[in-house]
Amino acid sequence: MEATVNAESSARPLPKELPPRLREVIHFAADGLTDKEIAVRMGVSKATVDFHWRRLRSMYDQGTRTGIVVHVLRRQERSEYRLPA
């Protein structure tokens, strides 16, 4: 079964800048960390990381964390906004 990522279309407009904690979640996920590892790095519970992913899923109309990361990285490539280095 092949998963597809619909990174070009979104039902909602993208925010110009993401809140810092959401940027952190995306940044750590892009680095390959699991949700549990992200929680440890951020000093929060895994439930808080799950909450951030739910917010991101609704913001980007994407069903998976991979879809969100790909979506954000593609938009970052087009310089629509930047994640922290």
PDB file of N, CA and C in Angstrom:
ATOM      1  N   MET A   1       0.840  -1.177   0.000  1.00  0.00           N
ATOM      2  CA  MET A   1       0.000   0.000   0.000  1.00  0.00           C
ATOM      3  C   MET A   1       0.889   1.245   0.000  1.00  0.00           C
ATOM      4  N   GLU A   2       0.720   2.075  -0.960  1.00  0.00           N
ATOM      5  CA  GLU A   2       1.551   3.272  -1.087  1.00  0.00           C
ATOM      6  C   GLU A   2       0.818   4.482  -0.524  1.00  0.00           C
ATOM      7  N   ALA A   3       1.501   5.194   0.373  1.00  0.00           N
ATOM      8  CA  ALA A   3       0.923   6.405   0.943  1.00  0.00           C
ATOM      9  C   ALA A   3       1.249   7.587   0.051  1.00  0.00           C
ATOM     10  N   THR A   4       0.289   8.436  -0.134  1.00  0.00           N
ATOM     11  CA  THR A   4       0.532   9.635  -0.929  1.00  0.00           C
ATOM     12  C   THR A   4       0.446  10.853  -0.034  1.00  0.00           C
ATOM     13  N   VAL A   5       1.245  11.829  -0.361  1.00  0.00           N
ATOM     14  CA  VAL A   5       1.265  13.068   0.400  1.00  0.00           C
ATOM     15  C   VAL A   5       0.799  14.176  -0.519  1.00  0.00           C
ATOM     16  N   ASN A   6      -0.318  14.771  -0.164  1.00  0.00           N
ATOM     17  CA  ASN A   6      -0.860  15.856  -0.960  1.00  0.00           C
ATOM     18  C   ASN A   6      -0.345  17.165  -0.400  1.00  0.00           C
ATOM     19  N   ALA A   7       0.903  17.500  -0.742  1.00  0.00           N
ATOM     20  CA  ALA A   7       1.542  18.677  -0.161  1.00  0.00           C
ATOM     21  C   ALA A   7       1.205  19.962  -0.907  1.00  0.00           C
ATOM     22  N   GLU A   8       0.642  19.866  -2.065  1.00  0.00           N
ATOM     23  CA  GLU A   8       0.384  21.073  -2.848  1.00  0.00           C
ATOM     24  C   GLU A   8      -0.965  21.709  -2.549  1.00  0.00           C
ATOM     25  N   SER A   9      -1.931  20.906  -2.145  1.00  0.00           N
ATOM     26  CA  SER A   9      -3.243  21.497  -1.908  1.00  0.00           C
ATOM     27  C   SER A   9      -3.590  21.420  -0.438  1.00  0.00           C
ATOM     28  N   SER A  10      -4.182  22.461   0.041  1.00  0.00           N
ATOM     29  CA  SER A  10      -4.619  22.496   1.425  1.00  0.00           C
ATOM     30  C   SER A  10      -5.912  23.291   1.480  1.00  0.00           C
ATOM     31  N   ALA A  11      -6.830  22.811   2.288  1.00  0.00           N
ATOM     32  CA  ALA A  11      -8.116  23.489   2.386  1.00  0.00           C
ATOM     33  C   ALA A  11      -7.998  24.801   3.153  1.00  0.00           C
ATOM     34  N   ARG A  12      -6.933  24.929   3.942  1.00  0.00           N
ATOM     35  CA  ARG A  12      -6.764  26.118   4.762  1.00  0.00           C
ATOM     36  C   ARG A  12      -5.513  26.869   4.345  1.00  0.00           C
ATOM     37  N   PRO A  13      -5.544  28.193   4.433  1.00  0.00           N
ATOM     38  CA  PRO A  13      -4.326  28.947   4.133  1.00  0.00           C
ATOM     39  C   PRO A  13      -3.280  28.679   5.201  1.00  0.00           C
ATOM     40  N   LEU A  14      -2.028  28.696   4.803  1.00  0.00           N
ATOM     41  CA  LEU A  14      -0.950  28.458   5.748  1.00  0.00           C
ATOM     42  C   LEU A  14      -0.616  29.704   6.541  1.00  0.00           C
ATOM     43  N   PRO A  15      -0.294  29.522   7.812  1.00  0.00           N
ATOM     44  CA  PRO A  15       0.145  30.680   8.582  1.00  0.00           C
ATOM     45  C   PRO A  15       1.520  31.111   8.104  1.00  0.00           C
ATOM     46  N   LYS A  16       1.779  32.399   8.157  1.00  0.00           N
ATOM     47  CA  LYS A  16       3.099  32.895   7.743  1.00  0.00           C
ATOM     48  C   LYS A  16       4.158  32.433   8.721  1.00  0.00           C
ATOM     49  N   GLU A  17       3.800  32.350   9.988  1.00  0.00           N
ATOM     50  CA  GLU A  17       4.761  31.894  10.975  1.00  0.00           C
ATOM     51  C   GLU A  17       4.066  30.959  11.951  1.00  0.00           C
ATOM     52  N   LEU A  18       4.702  29.848  12.205  1.00  0.00           N
ATOM     53  CA  LEU A  18       4.165  28.889  13.156  1.00  0.00           C
ATOM     54  C   LEU A  18       4.576  29.273  14.577  1.00  0.00           C
ATOM     55  N   PRO A  19       3.750  28.928  15.563  1.00  0.00           N
ATOM     56  CA  PRO A  19       4.177  29.122  16.942  1.00  0.00           C
ATOM     57  C   PRO A  19       5.457  28.322  17.205  1.00  0.00           C
ATOM     58  N   PRO A  20       6.305  28.801  18.084  1.00  0.00           N
ATOM     59  CA  PRO A  20       7.603  28.155  18.317  1.00  0.00           C
ATOM     60  C   PRO A  20       7.522  26.675  18.672  1.00  0.00           C
ATOM     61  N   ARG A  21       6.570  26.269  19.503  1.00  0.00           N
ATOM     62  CA  ARG A  21       6.492  24.857  19.906  1.00  0.00           C
ATOM     63  C   ARG A  21       6.106  23.967  18.735  1.00  0.00           C
ATOM     64  N   LEU A  22       5.254  24.442  17.857  1.00  0.00           N
ATOM     65  CA  LEU A  22       4.891  23.652  16.679  1.00  0.00           C
ATOM     66  C   LEU A  22       6.077  23.537  15.730  1.00  0.00           C
ATOM     67  N   ARG A  23       6.838  24.610  15.595  1.00  0.00           N
ATOM     68  CA  ARG A  23       8.059  24.554  14.770  1.00  0.00           C
ATOM     69  C   ARG A  23       9.033  23.531  15.329  1.00  0.00           C
ATOM     70  N   GLU A  24       9.153  23.489  16.659  1.00  0.00           N
ATOM     71  CA  GLU A  24      10.054  22.519  17.289  1.00  0.00           C
ATOM     72  C   GLU A  24       9.633  21.085  16.960  1.00  0.00           C
ATOM     73  N   VAL A  25       8.342  20.813  17.072  1.00  0.00           N
ATOM     74  CA  VAL A  25       7.846  19.464  16.787  1.00  0.00           C
ATOM     75  C   VAL A  25       8.201  19.071  15.351  1.00  0.00           C
ATOM     76  N   ILE A  26       7.945  19.949  14.402  1.00  0.00           N
ATOM     77  CA  ILE A  26       8.246  19.662  12.996  1.00  0.00           C
ATOM     78  C   ILE A  26       9.746  19.489  12.803  1.00  0.00           C
ATOM     79  N   HIS A  27      10.525  20.365  13.408  1.00  0.00           N
ATOM     80  CA  HIS A  27      11.978  20.302  13.279  1.00  0.00           C
ATOM     81  C   HIS A  27      12.517  18.960  13.793  1.00  0.00           C
ATOM     82  N   PHE A  28      12.085  18.544  14.990  1.00  0.00           N
ATOM     83  CA  PHE A  28      12.549  17.282  15.550  1.00  0.00           C
ATOM     84  C   PHE A  28      12.070  16.091  14.721  1.00  0.00           C
ATOM     85  N   ALA A  29      10.841  16.141  14.234  1.00  0.00           N
ATOM     86  CA  ALA A  29      10.326  15.053  13.395  1.00  0.00           C
ATOM     87  C   ALA A  29      11.124  14.955  12.098  1.00  0.00           C
ATOM     88  N   ALA A  30      11.474  16.097  11.523  1.00  0.00           N
ATOM     89  CA  ALA A  30      12.273  16.112  10.294  1.00  0.00           C
ATOM     90  C   ALA A  30      13.653  15.511  10.540  1.00  0.00           C
ATOM     91  N   ASP A  31      14.136  15.621  11.786  1.00  0.00           N
ATOM     92  CA  ASP A  31      15.421  15.020  12.157  1.00  0.00           C
ATOM     93  C   ASP A  31      15.295  13.534  12.468  1.00  0.00           C
ATOM     94  N   GLY A  32      14.076  13.000  12.403  1.00  0.00           N
ATOM     95  CA  GLY A  32      13.870  11.568  12.580  1.00  0.00           C
ATOM     96  C   GLY A  32      13.535  11.112  13.982  1.00  0.00           C
ATOM     97  N   LEU A  33      13.253  12.037  14.900  1.00  0.00           N
ATOM     98  CA  LEU A  33      12.914  11.655  16.265  1.00  0.00           C
ATOM     99  C   LEU A  33      11.498  11.110  16.343  1.00  0.00           C
ATOM    100  N   THR A  34      11.298  10.168  17.251  1.00  0.00           N
ATOM    101  CA  THR A  34       9.951   9.655  17.516  1.00  0.00           C
ATOM    102  C   THR A  34       9.209  10.666  18.374  1.00  0.00           C
ATOM    103  N   ASP A  35       7.905  10.469  18.523  1.00  0.00           N
ATOM    104  CA  ASP A  35       7.127  11.377  19.365  1.00  0.00           C
ATOM    105  C   ASP A  35       7.620  11.347  20.813  1.00  0.00           C
ATOM    106  N   LYS A  36       7.988  10.164  21.293  1.00  0.00           N
ATOM    107  CA  LYS A  36       8.503  10.050  22.661  1.00  0.00           C
ATOM    108  C   LYS A  36       9.824  10.807  22.806  1.00  0.00           C
ATOM    109  N   GLU A  37      10.698  10.692  21.828  1.00  0.00           N
ATOM    110  CA  GLU A  37      11.971  11.419  21.849  1.00  0.00           C
ATOM    111  C   GLU A  37      11.747  12.930  21.758  1.00  0.00           C
ATOM    112  N   ILE A  38      10.780  13.328  20.950  1.00  0.00           N
ATOM    113  CA  ILE A  38      10.440  14.757  20.833  1.00  0.00           C
ATOM    114  C   ILE A  38       9.983  15.274  22.196  1.00  0.00           C
ATOM    115  N   ALA A  39       9.139  14.503  22.877  1.00  0.00           N
ATOM    116  CA  ALA A  39       8.636  14.906  24.186  1.00  0.00           C
ATOM    117  C   ALA A  39       9.787  15.106  25.173  1.00  0.00           C
ATOM    118  N   VAL A  40      10.745  14.183  25.171  1.00  0.00           N
ATOM    119  CA  VAL A  40      11.888  14.301  26.076  1.00  0.00           C
ATOM    120  C   VAL A  40      12.697  15.549  25.752  1.00  0.00           C
ATOM    121  N   ARG A  41      12.966  15.779  24.465  1.00  0.00           N
ATOM    122  CA  ARG A  41      13.751  16.957  24.056  1.00  0.00           C
ATOM    123  C   ARG A  41      13.063  18.265  24.428  1.00  0.00           C
ATOM    124  N   MET A  42      11.735  18.267  24.307  1.00  0.00           N
ATOM    125  CA  MET A  42      10.982  19.492  24.591  1.00  0.00           C
ATOM    126  C   MET A  42      10.656  19.641  26.069  1.00  0.00           C
ATOM    127  N   GLY A  43      10.859  18.579  26.848  1.00  0.00           N
ATOM    128  CA  GLY A  43      10.536  18.631  28.270  1.00  0.00           C
ATOM    129  C   GLY A  43       9.054  18.627  28.543  1.00  0.00           C
ATOM    130  N   VAL A  44       8.294  17.909  27.705  1.00  0.00           N
ATOM    131  CA  VAL A  44       6.836  17.820  27.858  1.00  0.00           C
ATOM    132  C   VAL A  44       6.434  16.356  27.810  1.00  0.00           C
ATOM    133  N   SER A  45       5.164  16.080  28.038  1.00  0.00           N
ATOM    134  CA  SER A  45       4.669  14.705  27.951  1.00  0.00           C
ATOM    135  C   SER A  45       4.416  14.337  26.487  1.00  0.00           C
ATOM    136  N   LYS A  46       4.345  13.032  26.245  1.00  0.00           N
ATOM    137  CA  LYS A  46       4.012  12.581  24.888  1.00  0.00           C
ATOM    138  C   LYS A  46       2.604  13.051  24.517  1.00  0.00           C
ATOM    139  N   ALA A  47       1.717  13.148  25.497  1.00  0.00           N
ATOM    140  CA  ALA A  47       0.354  13.636  25.228  1.00  0.00           C
ATOM    141  C   ALA A  47       0.387  15.067  24.693  1.00  0.00           C
ATOM    142  N   THR A  48       1.322  15.872  25.173  1.00  0.00           N
ATOM    143  CA  THR A  48       1.451  17.238  24.666  1.00  0.00           C
ATOM    144  C   THR A  48       1.939  17.224  23.222  1.00  0.00           C
ATOM    145  N   VAL A  49       2.880  16.351  22.920  1.00  0.00           N
ATOM    146  CA  VAL A  49       3.352  16.230  21.534  1.00  0.00           C
ATOM    147  C   VAL A  49       2.202  15.770  20.640  1.00  0.00           C
ATOM    148  N   ASP A  50       1.417  14.815  21.109  1.00  0.00           N
ATOM    149  CA  ASP A  50       0.241  14.359  20.344  1.00  0.00           C
ATOM    150  C   ASP A  50      -0.720  15.521  20.090  1.00  0.00           C
ATOM    151  N   PHE A  51      -0.916  16.361  21.099  1.00  0.00           N
ATOM    152  CA  PHE A  51      -1.771  17.537  20.945  1.00  0.00           C
ATOM    153  C   PHE A  51      -1.223  18.460  19.860  1.00  0.00           C
ATOM    154  N   HIS A  52       0.096  18.691  19.865  1.00  0.00           N
ATOM    155  CA  HIS A  52       0.710  19.535  18.829  1.00  0.00           C
ATOM    156  C   HIS A  52       0.487  18.930  17.440  1.00  0.00           C
ATOM    157  N   TRP A  53       0.623  17.606  17.325  1.00  0.00           N
ATOM    158  CA  TRP A  53       0.381  16.968  16.019  1.00  0.00           C
ATOM    159  C   TRP A  53      -1.070  17.134  15.583  1.00  0.00           C
ATOM    160  N   ARG A  54      -2.005  17.030  16.516  1.00  0.00           N
ATOM    161  CA  ARG A  54      -3.419  17.247  16.145  1.00  0.00           C
ATOM    162  C   ARG A  54      -3.619  18.662  15.623  1.00  0.00           C
ATOM    163  N   ARG A  55      -3.011  19.639  16.275  1.00  0.00           N
ATOM    164  CA  ARG A  55      -3.104  21.029  15.791  1.00  0.00           C
ATOM    165  C   ARG A  55      -2.515  21.151  14.392  1.00  0.00           C
ATOM    166  N   LEU A  56      -1.352  20.557  14.200  1.00  0.00           N
ATOM    167  CA  LEU A  56      -0.693  20.639  12.890  1.00  0.00           C
ATOM    168  C   LEU A  56      -1.507  19.935  11.813  1.00  0.00           C
ATOM    169  N   ARG A  57      -2.097  18.772  12.152  1.00  0.00           N
ATOM    170  CA  ARG A  57      -2.929  18.063  11.172  1.00  0.00           C
ATOM    171  C   ARG A  57      -4.098  18.922  10.723  1.00  0.00           C
ATOM    172  N   SER A  58      -4.710  19.615  11.645  1.00  0.00           N
ATOM    173  CA  SER A  58      -5.850  20.454  11.264  1.00  0.00           C
ATOM    174  C   SER A  58      -5.393  21.700  10.513  1.00  0.00           C
ATOM    175  N   MET A  59      -4.238  22.245  10.867  1.00  0.00           N
ATOM    176  CA  MET A  59      -3.728  23.434  10.178  1.00  0.00           C
ATOM    177  C   MET A  59      -3.370  23.135   8.727  1.00  0.00           C
ATOM    178  N   TYR A  60      -2.773  21.971   8.494  1.00  0.00           N
ATOM    179  CA  TYR A  60      -2.255  21.648   7.169  1.00  0.00           C
ATOM    180  C   TYR A  60      -3.108  20.656   6.400  1.00  0.00           C
ATOM    181  N   ASP A  61      -4.200  20.204   6.994  1.00  0.00           N
ATOM    182  CA  ASP A  61      -5.087  19.266   6.328  1.00  0.00           C
ATOM    183  C   ASP A  61      -4.314  18.046   5.834  1.00  0.00           C
ATOM    184  N   GLN A  62      -3.419  17.554   6.680  1.00  0.00           N
ATOM    185  CA  GLN A  62      -2.617  16.372   6.381  1.00  0.00           C
ATOM    186  C   GLN A  62      -2.929  15.316   7.432  1.00  0.00           C
ATOM    187  N   GLY A  63      -2.948  14.063   7.030  1.00  0.00           N
ATOM    188  CA  GLY A  63      -3.305  12.989   7.950  1.00  0.00           C
ATOM    189  C   GLY A  63      -2.158  12.358   8.702  1.00  0.00           C
ATOM    190  N   THR A  64      -0.934  12.591   8.268  1.00  0.00           N
ATOM    191  CA  THR A  64       0.205  11.946   8.914  1.00  0.00           C
ATOM    192  C   THR A  64       1.291  12.960   9.254  1.00  0.00           C
ATOM    193  N   ARG A  65       2.137  12.592  10.194  1.00  0.00           N
ATOM    194  CA  ARG A  65       3.246  13.477  10.530  1.00  0.00           C
ATOM    195  C   ARG A  65       4.204  13.610   9.359  1.00  0.00           C
ATOM    196  N   THR A  66       4.383  12.527   8.598  1.00  0.00           N
ATOM    197  CA  THR A  66       5.230  12.607   7.403  1.00  0.00           C
ATOM    198  C   THR A  66       4.658  13.605   6.413  1.00  0.00           C
ATOM    199  N   GLY A  67       3.347  13.570   6.214  1.00  0.00           N
ATOM    200  CA  GLY A  67       2.707  14.520   5.313  1.00  0.00           C
ATOM    201  C   GLY A  67       2.908  15.950   5.757  1.00  0.00           C
ATOM    202  N   ILE A  68       2.828  16.177   7.063  1.00  0.00           N
ATOM    203  CA  ILE A  68       3.027  17.527   7.589  1.00  0.00           C
ATOM    204  C   ILE A  68       4.458  17.984   7.362  1.00  0.00           C
ATOM    205  N   VAL A  69       5.427  17.120   7.695  1.00  0.00           N
ATOM    206  CA  VAL A  69       6.835  17.490   7.535  1.00  0.00           C
ATOM    207  C   VAL A  69       7.152  17.774   6.075  1.00  0.00           C
ATOM    208  N   VAL A  70       6.707  16.907   5.171  1.00  0.00           N
ATOM    209  CA  VAL A  70       6.953  17.120   3.743  1.00  0.00           C
ATOM    210  C   VAL A  70       6.312  18.425   3.286  1.00  0.00           C
ATOM    211  N   HIS A  71       5.091  18.651   3.706  1.00  0.00           N
ATOM    212  CA  HIS A  71       4.369  19.870   3.337  1.00  0.00           C
ATOM    213  C   HIS A  71       5.142  21.116   3.772  1.00  0.00           C
ATOM    214  N   VAL A  72       5.565  21.129   5.028  1.00  0.00           N
ATOM    215  CA  VAL A  72       6.287  22.285   5.560  1.00  0.00           C
ATOM    216  C   VAL A  72       7.635  22.449   4.866  1.00  0.00           C
ATOM    217  N   LEU A  73       8.357  21.364   4.662  1.00  0.00           N
ATOM    218  CA  LEU A  73       9.666  21.466   4.013  1.00  0.00           C
ATOM    219  C   LEU A  73       9.539  21.952   2.572  1.00  0.00           C
ATOM    220  N   ARG A  74       8.509  21.529   1.875  1.00  0.00           N
ATOM    221  CA  ARG A  74       8.307  22.027   0.502  1.00  0.00           C
ATOM    222  C   ARG A  74       8.010  23.514   0.494  1.00  0.00           C
ATOM    223  N   ARG A  75       7.201  23.948   1.445  1.00  0.00           N
ATOM    224  CA  ARG A  75       6.899  25.383   1.521  1.00  0.00           C
ATOM    225  C   ARG A  75       8.126  26.164   1.949  1.00  0.00           C
ATOM    226  N   GLN A  76       8.929  25.567   2.806  1.00  0.00           N
ATOM    227  CA  GLN A  76      10.166  26.209   3.244  1.00  0.00           C
ATOM    228  C   GLN A  76      11.114  26.367   2.048  1.00  0.00           C
ATOM    229  N   GLU A  77      11.175  25.336   1.206  1.00  0.00           N
ATOM    230  CA  GLU A  77      11.994  25.408  -0.010  1.00  0.00           C
ATOM    231  C   GLU A  77      11.618  26.592  -0.870  1.00  0.00           C
ATOM    232  N   ARG A  78      10.327  26.883  -0.904  1.00  0.00           N
ATOM    233  CA  ARG A  78       9.843  28.018  -1.705  1.00  0.00           C
ATOM    234  C   ARG A  78       9.931  29.307  -0.916  1.00  0.00           C
ATOM    235  N   SER A  79      10.586  29.269   0.230  1.00  0.00           N
ATOM    236  CA  SER A  79      10.855  30.445   1.077  1.00  0.00           C
ATOM    237  C   SER A  79       9.591  31.133   1.569  1.00  0.00           C
ATOM    238  N   GLU A  80       8.501  30.386   1.703  1.00  0.00           N
ATOM    239  CA  GLU A  80       7.278  30.992   2.225  1.00  0.00           C
ATOM    240  C   GLU A  80       7.386  31.221   3.717  1.00  0.00           C
ATOM    241  N   TYR A  81       8.177  30.412   4.385  1.00  0.00           N
ATOM    242  CA  TYR A  81       8.568  30.645   5.770  1.00  0.00           C
ATOM    243  C   TYR A  81       9.706  29.714   6.093  1.00  0.00           C
ATOM    244  N   ARG A  82      10.351  29.952   7.173  1.00  0.00           N
ATOM    245  CA  ARG A  82      11.542  29.189   7.553  1.00  0.00           C
ATOM    246  C   ARG A  82      11.351  28.511   8.912  1.00  0.00           C
ATOM    247  N   LEU A  83      11.866  27.290   9.005  1.00  0.00           N
ATOM    248  CA  LEU A  83      11.980  26.633  10.293  1.00  0.00           C
ATOM    249  C   LEU A  83      13.303  27.058  10.908  1.00  0.00           C
ATOM    250  N   PRO A  84      13.401  27.017  12.218  1.00  0.00           N
ATOM    251  CA  PRO A  84      14.676  27.385  12.826  1.00  0.00           C
ATOM    252  C   PRO A  84      15.755  26.378  12.472  1.00  0.00           C
ATOM    253  N   ALA A  85      16.983  26.847  12.373  1.00  0.00           N
ATOM    254  CA  ALA A  85      18.107  25.967  12.029  1.00  0.00           C
ATOM    255  C   ALA A  85      18.557  25.177  13.231  1.00  0.00           C
TER     256      ALA A  85
END
